Amino acid sequence: MRSIWKGSIGFGLVNIPVKLYSAVQSSSLDLDMLDGRDHAKIRFLRVNEHTHKEVPYDKIVRAYKLNDDYVVLEQRDFEDASPEKTKLIEIESFVEAQDINPMYYETSYYAEPDAKNSKAYNLLLQALKKTGKAGFGRFVLRNTESLCIIHPVENALVVSKIRFAQELRNTDDLKLPDANVSKKELDMGLALIKQYTEDFNVSKFKDDYTDELLKIIKAKAKGKRPTIKKLKVAKTKGDDLYEQLMQSLNKKGA
């Protein structure tokens, strides 16, 4: 793996030099876009809207439109916006890991100590494991300041980038139900949840869609079309909620 960021995790006066590596990878197939007429690859060009000519990558700049004119930004401008955080993941507080709304999480990175025998790295790892807490802080990644959560996963510290509060929409525009649920229905719903409760184990699930798509691709390469299993939707009789819950419980029990 190639590191995507190098700097330090800091809390109090403790400084832990680390490298970040992407902790996630895509399981989808890498598909190319082709011209349907001759199967030539489609290339995306950066074109000047006035000259209609391709612009070399080293001539492209980023800019912000202000008062009908553009202000061009340089690399130094991004660094100057938050110079003290350019190479530092600063833990500003510790929070209960279970209190973090999953909607805030974006993507995760493994933090590897930049020194073989990093006692400070292990100290933070073990302390977070023992307390069930996570470090909450900020850092600059790809010229953008981000919030992050630092938490333990097995024997590694993980830096998970999270969203700012204003990035989450509220529910004001949603048409949410206000129907009353009876105690009998609620008790049955709780019983159904209890019956389906188990330890979280995502490894037993697989990206079947990608596997099935690859089977179709291989079959088409041989001039065949595989037999596709049709999805069967289980239906309950009637629209009585209590009856649906009862049937669900019986089905799980069977």
C-alpha atoms as a PDB file:
ATOM      1  CA  MET A   1       0.000   0.000   0.000  1.00  0.00           C
ATOM      2  CA  ARG A   2       1.068   3.570  -0.647  1.00  0.00           C
ATOM      3  CA  SER A   3       0.554   6.154   2.089  1.00  0.00           C
ATOM      4  CA  ILE A   4      -1.712   9.073   1.204  1.00  0.00           C
ATOM      5  CA  TRP A   5      -0.748  11.383   4.097  1.00  0.00           C
ATOM      6  CA  LYS A   6       2.173  11.787   6.460  1.00  0.00           C
ATOM      7  CA  GLY A   7       2.119  13.786   9.661  1.00  0.00           C
ATOM      8  CA  SER A   8       1.366  13.352  13.356  1.00  0.00           C
ATOM      9  CA  ILE A   9      -1.473  12.604  15.753  1.00  0.00           C
ATOM     10  CA  GLY A  10      -1.286  14.976  18.676  1.00  0.00           C
ATOM     11  CA  PHE A  11      -3.084  15.006  22.034  1.00  0.00           C
ATOM     12  CA  GLY A  12      -1.896  17.122  24.923  1.00  0.00           C
ATOM     13  CA  LEU A  13       1.887  17.291  24.632  1.00  0.00           C
ATOM     14  CA  VAL A  14       2.083  13.814  23.071  1.00  0.00           C
ATOM     15  CA  ASN A  15       3.015  13.665  19.401  1.00  0.00           C
ATOM     16  CA  ILE A  16       2.748  10.439  17.359  1.00  0.00           C
ATOM     17  CA  PRO A  17       4.280  10.509  13.851  1.00  0.00           C
ATOM     18  CA  VAL A  18       2.076   8.439  11.514  1.00  0.00           C
ATOM     19  CA  LYS A  19       1.376   7.598   7.895  1.00  0.00           C
ATOM     20  CA  LEU A  20      -2.206   7.163   6.658  1.00  0.00           C
ATOM     21  CA  TYR A  21      -3.258   4.408   4.279  1.00  0.00           C
ATOM     22  CA  SER A  22      -6.682   3.973   2.739  1.00  0.00           C
ATOM     23  CA  ALA A  23      -8.631   1.369   4.734  1.00  0.00           C
ATOM     24  CA  VAL A  24     -11.296   0.804   2.070  1.00  0.00           C
ATOM     25  CA  GLN A  25     -11.361  -0.445  -1.503  1.00  0.00           C
ATOM     26  CA  SER A  26     -14.055  -0.783  -4.128  1.00  0.00           C
ATOM     27  CA  SER A  27     -15.499  -4.215  -4.886  1.00  0.00           C
ATOM     28  CA  SER A  28     -17.181  -3.099  -8.116  1.00  0.00           C
ATOM     29  CA  LEU A  29     -15.906  -4.049 -11.560  1.00  0.00           C
ATOM     30  CA  ASP A  30     -13.700  -1.603 -13.448  1.00  0.00           C
ATOM     31  CA  LEU A  31     -15.805  -0.863 -16.535  1.00  0.00           C
ATOM     32  CA  ASP A  32     -14.617   1.203 -19.507  1.00  0.00           C
ATOM     33  CA  MET A  33     -16.794   3.591 -21.506  1.00  0.00           C
ATOM     34  CA  LEU A  34     -16.703   2.832 -25.251  1.00  0.00           C
ATOM     35  CA  ASP A  35     -18.164   4.203 -28.456  1.00  0.00           C
ATOM     36  CA  GLY A  36     -20.957   1.737 -29.232  1.00  0.00           C
ATOM     37  CA  ARG A  37     -20.149   1.876 -32.949  1.00  0.00           C
ATOM     38  CA  ASP A  38     -16.530   0.712 -32.978  1.00  0.00           C
ATOM     39  CA  HIS A  39     -15.750   0.013 -29.276  1.00  0.00           C
ATOM     40  CA  ALA A  40     -13.097   2.747 -29.161  1.00  0.00           C
ATOM     41  CA  LYS A  41     -12.423   4.084 -25.655  1.00  0.00           C
ATOM     42  CA  ILE A  42     -14.056   7.370 -24.672  1.00  0.00           C
ATOM     43  CA  ARG A  43     -11.485   9.939 -23.518  1.00  0.00           C
ATOM     44  CA  PHE A  44     -12.428  12.916 -21.366  1.00  0.00           C
ATOM     45  CA  LEU A  45     -10.537  16.038 -22.314  1.00  0.00           C
ATOM     46  CA  ARG A  46     -10.076  19.253 -20.339  1.00  0.00           C
ATOM     47  CA  VAL A  47     -11.178  21.769 -22.933  1.00  0.00           C
ATOM     48  CA  ASN A  48     -11.004  25.561 -22.947  1.00  0.00           C
ATOM     49  CA  GLU A  49     -14.610  26.744 -23.424  1.00  0.00           C
ATOM     50  CA  HIS A  50     -13.468  29.615 -25.694  1.00  0.00           C
ATOM     51  CA  THR A  51     -10.798  28.018 -27.890  1.00  0.00           C
ATOM     52  CA  HIS A  52     -12.250  24.471 -27.673  1.00  0.00           C
ATOM     53  CA  LYS A  53      -8.669  23.215 -27.378  1.00  0.00           C
ATOM     54  CA  GLU A  54      -7.366  20.785 -24.756  1.00  0.00           C
ATOM     55  CA  VAL A  55      -5.675  22.425 -21.755  1.00  0.00           C
ATOM     56  CA  PRO A  56      -2.459  20.830 -20.404  1.00  0.00           C
ATOM     57  CA  TYR A  57      -2.879  19.628 -16.823  1.00  0.00           C
ATOM     58  CA  ASP A  58      -0.072  21.883 -15.535  1.00  0.00           C
ATOM     59  CA  LYS A  59      -1.911  24.937 -16.896  1.00  0.00           C
ATOM     60  CA  ILE A  60      -5.117  24.249 -14.957  1.00  0.00           C
ATOM     61  CA  VAL A  61      -5.709  26.365 -11.851  1.00  0.00           C
ATOM     62  CA  ARG A  62      -8.464  26.470  -9.264  1.00  0.00           C
ATOM     63  CA  ALA A  63     -10.377  29.642  -8.628  1.00  0.00           C
ATOM     64  CA  TYR A  64     -13.339  31.082  -6.740  1.00  0.00           C
ATOM     65  CA  LYS A  65     -15.875  33.351  -8.416  1.00  0.00           C
ATOM     66  CA  LEU A  66     -16.235  36.583  -6.478  1.00  0.00           C
ATOM     67  CA  ASN A  67     -18.252  39.581  -7.736  1.00  0.00           C
ATOM     68  CA  ASP A  68     -18.419  38.255 -11.310  1.00  0.00           C
ATOM     69  CA  ASP A  69     -14.652  37.738 -11.434  1.00  0.00           C
ATOM     70  CA  TYR A  70     -12.352  34.833 -10.540  1.00  0.00           C
ATOM     71  CA  VAL A  71      -9.733  34.805  -7.790  1.00  0.00           C
ATOM     72  CA  VAL A  72      -7.089  32.188  -8.620  1.00  0.00           C
ATOM     73  CA  LEU A  73      -5.810  30.112  -5.683  1.00  0.00           C
ATOM     74  CA  GLU A  74      -2.301  28.685  -5.326  1.00  0.00           C
ATOM     75  CA  GLN A  75      -1.116  25.715  -3.269  1.00  0.00           C
ATOM     76  CA  ARG A  76       0.251  28.076  -0.624  1.00  0.00           C
ATOM     77  CA  ASP A  77      -3.186  29.669  -0.169  1.00  0.00           C
ATOM     78  CA  PHE A  78      -4.685  26.332   0.895  1.00  0.00           C
ATOM     79  CA  GLU A  79      -1.845  25.719   3.344  1.00  0.00           C
ATOM     80  CA  ASP A  80      -2.015  29.262   4.736  1.00  0.00           C
ATOM     81  CA  ALA A  81      -5.741  28.844   5.431  1.00  0.00           C
ATOM     82  CA  SER A  82      -4.856  26.390   8.196  1.00  0.00           C
ATOM     83  CA  PRO A  83      -1.052  26.217   8.487  1.00  0.00           C
ATOM     84  CA  GLU A  84      -0.947  24.713  11.987  1.00  0.00           C
ATOM     85  CA  LYS A  85      -3.046  21.715  10.899  1.00  0.00           C
ATOM     86  CA  THR A  86      -1.276  20.972   7.611  1.00  0.00           C
ATOM     87  CA  LYS A  87       0.652  18.020   9.054  1.00  0.00           C
ATOM     88  CA  LEU A  88      -1.120  17.480  12.348  1.00  0.00           C
ATOM     89  CA  ILE A  89      -4.209  15.514  13.348  1.00  0.00           C
ATOM     90  CA  GLU A  90      -5.054  17.387  16.508  1.00  0.00           C
ATOM     91  CA  ILE A  91      -7.246  15.522  18.994  1.00  0.00           C
ATOM     92  CA  GLU A  92      -9.295  18.259  20.625  1.00  0.00           C
ATOM     93  CA  SER A  93     -11.436  16.031  22.840  1.00  0.00           C
ATOM     94  CA  PHE A  94     -12.385  12.437  23.577  1.00  0.00           C
ATOM     95  CA  VAL A  95     -15.977  11.282  23.102  1.00  0.00           C
ATOM     96  CA  GLU A  96     -18.001   8.128  23.597  1.00  0.00           C
ATOM     97  CA  ALA A  97     -17.595   6.156  20.361  1.00  0.00           C
ATOM     98  CA  GLN A  98     -21.161   4.824  20.613  1.00  0.00           C
ATOM     99  CA  ASP A  99     -22.574   8.375  20.668  1.00  0.00           C
ATOM    100  CA  ILE A 100     -21.395   9.205  17.119  1.00  0.00           C
ATOM    101  CA  ASN A 101     -24.218   9.209  14.586  1.00  0.00           C
ATOM    102  CA  PRO A 102     -23.190   6.835  11.724  1.00  0.00           C
ATOM    103  CA  MET A 103     -24.492   9.441   9.240  1.00  0.00           C
ATOM    104  CA  TYR A 104     -21.401  11.520   9.990  1.00  0.00           C
ATOM    105  CA  TYR A 105     -18.878   8.917   8.806  1.00  0.00           C
ATOM    106  CA  GLU A 106     -17.307   9.316   5.339  1.00  0.00           C
ATOM    107  CA  THR A 107     -14.203   7.174   4.813  1.00  0.00           C
ATOM    108  CA  SER A 108     -11.487   5.579   6.928  1.00  0.00           C
ATOM    109  CA  TYR A 109      -7.690   5.400   6.928  1.00  0.00           C
ATOM    110  CA  TYR A 110      -5.298   3.123   8.799  1.00  0.00           C
ATOM    111  CA  ALA A 111      -2.734   5.052  10.827  1.00  0.00           C
ATOM    112  CA  GLU A 112       0.672   3.366  10.862  1.00  0.00           C
ATOM    113  CA  PRO A 113       3.307   4.612  13.328  1.00  0.00           C
ATOM    114  CA  ASP A 114       6.267   6.180  11.567  1.00  0.00           C
ATOM    115  CA  ALA A 115       8.580   4.613  14.136  1.00  0.00           C
ATOM    116  CA  LYS A 116       8.953   0.883  14.796  1.00  0.00           C
ATOM    117  CA  ASN A 117       8.685   1.033  18.568  1.00  0.00           C
ATOM    118  CA  SER A 118       6.098   3.730  19.137  1.00  0.00           C
ATOM    119  CA  LYS A 119       5.059   3.465  22.777  1.00  0.00           C
ATOM    120  CA  ALA A 120       2.817   6.532  22.411  1.00  0.00           C
ATOM    121  CA  TYR A 121       0.920   4.857  19.528  1.00  0.00           C
ATOM    122  CA  ASN A 122       0.273   1.743  21.639  1.00  0.00           C
ATOM    123  CA  LEU A 123      -0.654   3.868  24.640  1.00  0.00           C
ATOM    124  CA  LEU A 124      -3.374   5.701  22.698  1.00  0.00           C
ATOM    125  CA  LEU A 125      -4.584   2.448  21.104  1.00  0.00           C
ATOM    126  CA  GLN A 126      -4.925   0.615  24.427  1.00  0.00           C
ATOM    127  CA  ALA A 127      -6.444   3.599  26.223  1.00  0.00           C
ATOM    128  CA  LEU A 128      -9.164   3.982  23.565  1.00  0.00           C
ATOM    129  CA  LYS A 129      -9.912   0.254  23.710  1.00  0.00           C
ATOM    130  CA  LYS A 130     -10.175   0.282  27.501  1.00  0.00           C
ATOM    131  CA  THR A 131     -12.385   3.374  27.749  1.00  0.00           C
ATOM    132  CA  GLY A 132     -14.583   2.827  24.673  1.00  0.00           C
ATOM    133  CA  LYS A 133     -13.832   6.389  23.657  1.00  0.00           C
ATOM    134  CA  ALA A 134     -12.651   7.940  20.388  1.00  0.00           C
ATOM    135  CA  GLY A 135     -10.491  10.949  19.669  1.00  0.00           C
ATOM    136  CA  PHE A 136     -12.309  13.839  18.001  1.00  0.00           C
ATOM    137  CA  GLY A 137     -10.244  16.305  16.022  1.00  0.00           C
ATOM    138  CA  ARG A 138      -9.364  18.113  12.808  1.00  0.00           C
ATOM    139  CA  PHE A 139      -6.729  17.850  10.098  1.00  0.00           C
ATOM    140  CA  VAL A 140      -6.028  18.963   6.541  1.00  0.00           C
ATOM    141  CA  LEU A 141      -6.354  16.330   3.818  1.00  0.00           C
ATOM    142  CA  ARG A 142      -5.924  17.204   0.133  1.00  0.00           C
ATOM    143  CA  ASN A 143      -6.031  20.932   0.862  1.00  0.00           C
ATOM    144  CA  THR A 144      -9.322  20.664   2.751  1.00  0.00           C
ATOM    145  CA  GLU A 145      -9.839  20.841   6.495  1.00  0.00           C
ATOM    146  CA  SER A 146     -11.735  17.810   7.724  1.00  0.00           C
ATOM    147  CA  LEU A 147     -13.189  16.572  10.984  1.00  0.00           C
ATOM    148  CA  CYS A 148     -12.122  13.108  12.055  1.00  0.00           C
ATOM    149  CA  ILE A 149     -12.628  10.419  14.627  1.00  0.00           C
ATOM    150  CA  ILE A 150      -9.632   8.353  15.810  1.00  0.00           C
ATOM    151  CA  HIS A 151     -10.660   4.928  17.031  1.00  0.00           C
ATOM    152  CA  PRO A 152      -9.121   1.450  17.503  1.00  0.00           C
ATOM    153  CA  VAL A 153      -9.724  -1.448  15.102  1.00  0.00           C
ATOM    154  CA  GLU A 154      -7.967  -4.624  16.244  1.00  0.00           C
ATOM    155  CA  ASN A 155      -4.310  -3.594  16.728  1.00  0.00           C
ATOM    156  CA  ALA A 156      -4.415  -0.421  14.642  1.00  0.00           C
ATOM    157  CA  LEU A 157      -5.544   3.153  15.076  1.00  0.00           C
ATOM    158  CA  VAL A 158      -8.024   4.240  12.416  1.00  0.00           C
ATOM    159  CA  VAL A 159      -8.667   7.815  11.348  1.00  0.00           C
ATOM    160  CA  SER A 160     -12.212   8.121  10.023  1.00  0.00           C
ATOM    161  CA  LYS A 161     -13.083  11.322   8.205  1.00  0.00           C
ATOM    162  CA  ILE A 162     -16.506  12.631   9.245  1.00  0.00           C
ATOM    163  CA  ARG A 163     -18.881  15.300   7.981  1.00  0.00           C
ATOM    164  CA  PHE A 164     -19.472  18.716   9.532  1.00  0.00           C
ATOM    165  CA  ALA A 165     -22.865  19.213  11.186  1.00  0.00           C
ATOM    166  CA  GLN A 166     -24.081  21.583   8.446  1.00  0.00           C
ATOM    167  CA  GLU A 167     -23.526  18.867   5.836  1.00  0.00           C
ATOM    168  CA  LEU A 168     -26.398  16.784   7.210  1.00  0.00           C
ATOM    169  CA  ARG A 169     -29.870  17.795   6.127  1.00  0.00           C
ATOM    170  CA  ASN A 170     -32.678  17.940   8.667  1.00  0.00           C
ATOM    171  CA  THR A 171     -35.974  16.091   8.356  1.00  0.00           C
ATOM    172  CA  ASP A 172     -38.237  19.146   8.110  1.00  0.00           C
ATOM    173  CA  ASP A 173     -39.136  18.561   4.449  1.00  0.00           C
ATOM    174  CA  LEU A 174     -39.976  14.883   4.878  1.00  0.00           C
ATOM    175  CA  LYS A 175     -43.561  13.667   5.076  1.00  0.00           C
ATOM    176  CA  LEU A 176     -43.195  11.392   8.085  1.00  0.00           C
ATOM    177  CA  PRO A 177     -46.012   9.203   9.461  1.00  0.00           C
ATOM    178  CA  ASP A 178     -47.879  10.141  12.598  1.00  0.00           C
ATOM    179  CA  ALA A 179     -49.936   6.952  12.899  1.00  0.00           C
ATOM    180  CA  ASN A 180     -50.356   5.564  16.409  1.00  0.00           C
ATOM    181  CA  VAL A 181     -48.884   2.134  17.186  1.00  0.00           C
ATOM    182  CA  SER A 182     -50.742   0.036  19.736  1.00  0.00           C
ATOM    183  CA  LYS A 183     -48.969  -1.596  22.708  1.00  0.00           C
ATOM    184  CA  LYS A 184     -49.787  -5.019  21.263  1.00  0.00           C
ATOM    185  CA  GLU A 185     -48.131  -4.136  17.952  1.00  0.00           C
ATOM    186  CA  LEU A 186     -45.110  -2.575  19.681  1.00  0.00           C
ATOM    187  CA  ASP A 187     -44.608  -5.655  21.879  1.00  0.00           C
ATOM    188  CA  MET A 188     -44.757  -7.868  18.799  1.00  0.00           C
ATOM    189  CA  GLY A 189     -42.251  -5.618  17.005  1.00  0.00           C
ATOM    190  CA  LEU A 190     -39.855  -5.795  19.966  1.00  0.00           C
ATOM    191  CA  ALA A 191     -40.192  -9.583  20.025  1.00  0.00           C
ATOM    192  CA  LEU A 192     -39.381  -9.732  16.298  1.00  0.00           C
ATOM    193  CA  ILE A 193     -36.288  -7.543  16.778  1.00  0.00           C
ATOM    194  CA  LYS A 194     -35.129  -9.730  19.665  1.00  0.00           C
ATOM    195  CA  GLN A 195     -35.583 -12.859  17.555  1.00  0.00           C
ATOM    196  CA  TYR A 196     -33.455 -11.400  14.734  1.00  0.00           C
ATOM    197  CA  THR A 197     -30.766  -9.941  17.034  1.00  0.00           C
ATOM    198  CA  GLU A 198     -27.215 -11.302  16.674  1.00  0.00           C
ATOM    199  CA  ASP A 199     -23.621 -10.073  16.859  1.00  0.00           C
ATOM    200  CA  PHE A 200     -22.613  -7.780  14.023  1.00  0.00           C
ATOM    201  CA  ASN A 201     -20.664  -9.833  11.461  1.00  0.00           C
ATOM    202  CA  VAL A 202     -20.427  -8.163   8.056  1.00  0.00           C
ATOM    203  CA  SER A 203     -17.950 -10.777   6.759  1.00  0.00           C
ATOM    204  CA  LYS A 204     -20.762 -13.265   6.129  1.00  0.00           C
ATOM    205  CA  PHE A 205     -22.168 -10.962   3.462  1.00  0.00           C
ATOM    206  CA  LYS A 206     -20.655 -10.770  -0.005  1.00  0.00           C
ATOM    207  CA  ASP A 207     -20.991  -8.432  -2.973  1.00  0.00           C
ATOM    208  CA  ASP A 208     -23.130 -10.875  -4.978  1.00  0.00           C
ATOM    209  CA  TYR A 209     -24.061  -8.248  -7.551  1.00  0.00           C
ATOM    210  CA  THR A 210     -20.474  -7.935  -8.774  1.00  0.00           C
ATOM    211  CA  ASP A 211     -20.078 -11.740  -8.923  1.00  0.00           C
ATOM    212  CA  GLU A 212     -23.309 -12.139 -10.899  1.00  0.00           C
ATOM    213  CA  LEU A 213     -22.357  -9.320 -13.270  1.00  0.00           C
ATOM    214  CA  LEU A 214     -18.976 -10.989 -13.896  1.00  0.00           C
ATOM    215  CA  LYS A 215     -20.764 -14.290 -14.692  1.00  0.00           C
ATOM    216  CA  ILE A 216     -22.912 -12.460 -17.246  1.00  0.00           C
ATOM    217  CA  ILE A 217     -19.808 -10.859 -18.788  1.00  0.00           C
ATOM    218  CA  LYS A 218     -18.011 -14.200 -19.102  1.00  0.00           C
ATOM    219  CA  ALA A 219     -21.123 -15.858 -20.563  1.00  0.00           C
ATOM    220  CA  LYS A 220     -21.580 -13.067 -23.101  1.00  0.00           C
ATOM    221  CA  ALA A 221     -17.921 -13.429 -24.113  1.00  0.00           C
ATOM    222  CA  LYS A 222     -18.807 -17.022 -25.092  1.00  0.00           C
ATOM    223  CA  GLY A 223     -21.943 -15.915 -26.916  1.00  0.00           C
ATOM    224  CA  LYS A 224     -24.259 -17.203 -24.187  1.00  0.00           C
ATOM    225  CA  ARG A 225     -26.735 -15.697 -21.782  1.00  0.00           C
ATOM    226  CA  PRO A 226     -26.860 -17.216 -18.268  1.00  0.00           C
ATOM    227  CA  THR A 227     -30.108 -18.106 -16.549  1.00  0.00           C
ATOM    228  CA  ILE A 228     -30.934 -15.412 -14.008  1.00  0.00           C
ATOM    229  CA  LYS A 229     -32.806 -16.338 -10.855  1.00  0.00           C
ATOM    230  CA  LYS A 230     -35.831 -14.118 -10.403  1.00  0.00           C
ATOM    231  CA  LEU A 231     -36.310 -12.442  -7.073  1.00  0.00           C
ATOM    232  CA  LYS A 232     -39.253 -13.846  -5.164  1.00  0.00           C
ATOM    233  CA  VAL A 233     -40.926 -11.366  -2.861  1.00  0.00           C
ATOM    234  CA  ALA A 234     -42.585 -12.857   0.198  1.00  0.00           C
ATOM    235  CA  LYS A 235     -46.069 -11.435   0.629  1.00  0.00           C
ATOM    236  CA  THR A 236     -48.345 -11.417   3.640  1.00  0.00           C
ATOM    237  CA  LYS A 237     -52.088 -11.740   3.400  1.00  0.00           C
ATOM    238  CA  GLY A 238     -53.896  -8.507   4.112  1.00  0.00           C
ATOM    239  CA  ASP A 239     -52.456  -5.253   5.460  1.00  0.00           C
ATOM    240  CA  ASP A 240     -52.968  -5.804   9.194  1.00  0.00           C
ATOM    241  CA  LEU A 241     -49.690  -4.842  10.906  1.00  0.00           C
ATOM    242  CA  TYR A 242     -50.149  -7.219  13.846  1.00  0.00           C
ATOM    243  CA  GLU A 243     -50.815 -10.136  11.484  1.00  0.00           C
ATOM    244  CA  GLN A 244     -47.698  -9.295   9.442  1.00  0.00           C
ATOM    245  CA  LEU A 245     -45.595  -9.240  12.606  1.00  0.00           C
ATOM    246  CA  MET A 246     -47.050 -12.561  13.730  1.00  0.00           C
ATOM    247  CA  GLN A 247     -46.295 -14.185  10.380  1.00  0.00           C
ATOM    248  CA  SER A 248     -42.750 -12.815  10.510  1.00  0.00           C
ATOM    249  CA  LEU A 249     -42.170 -14.315  13.950  1.00  0.00           C
ATOM    250  CA  ASN A 250     -43.540 -17.691  12.829  1.00  0.00           C
ATOM    251  CA  LYS A 251     -41.375 -17.645   9.691  1.00  0.00           C
ATOM    252  CA  LYS A 252     -38.191 -16.889  11.676  1.00  0.00           C
ATOM    253  CA  GLY A 253     -39.070 -19.575  14.213  1.00  0.00           C
ATOM    254  CA  ALA A 254     -39.565 -22.151  11.483  1.00  0.00           C
END
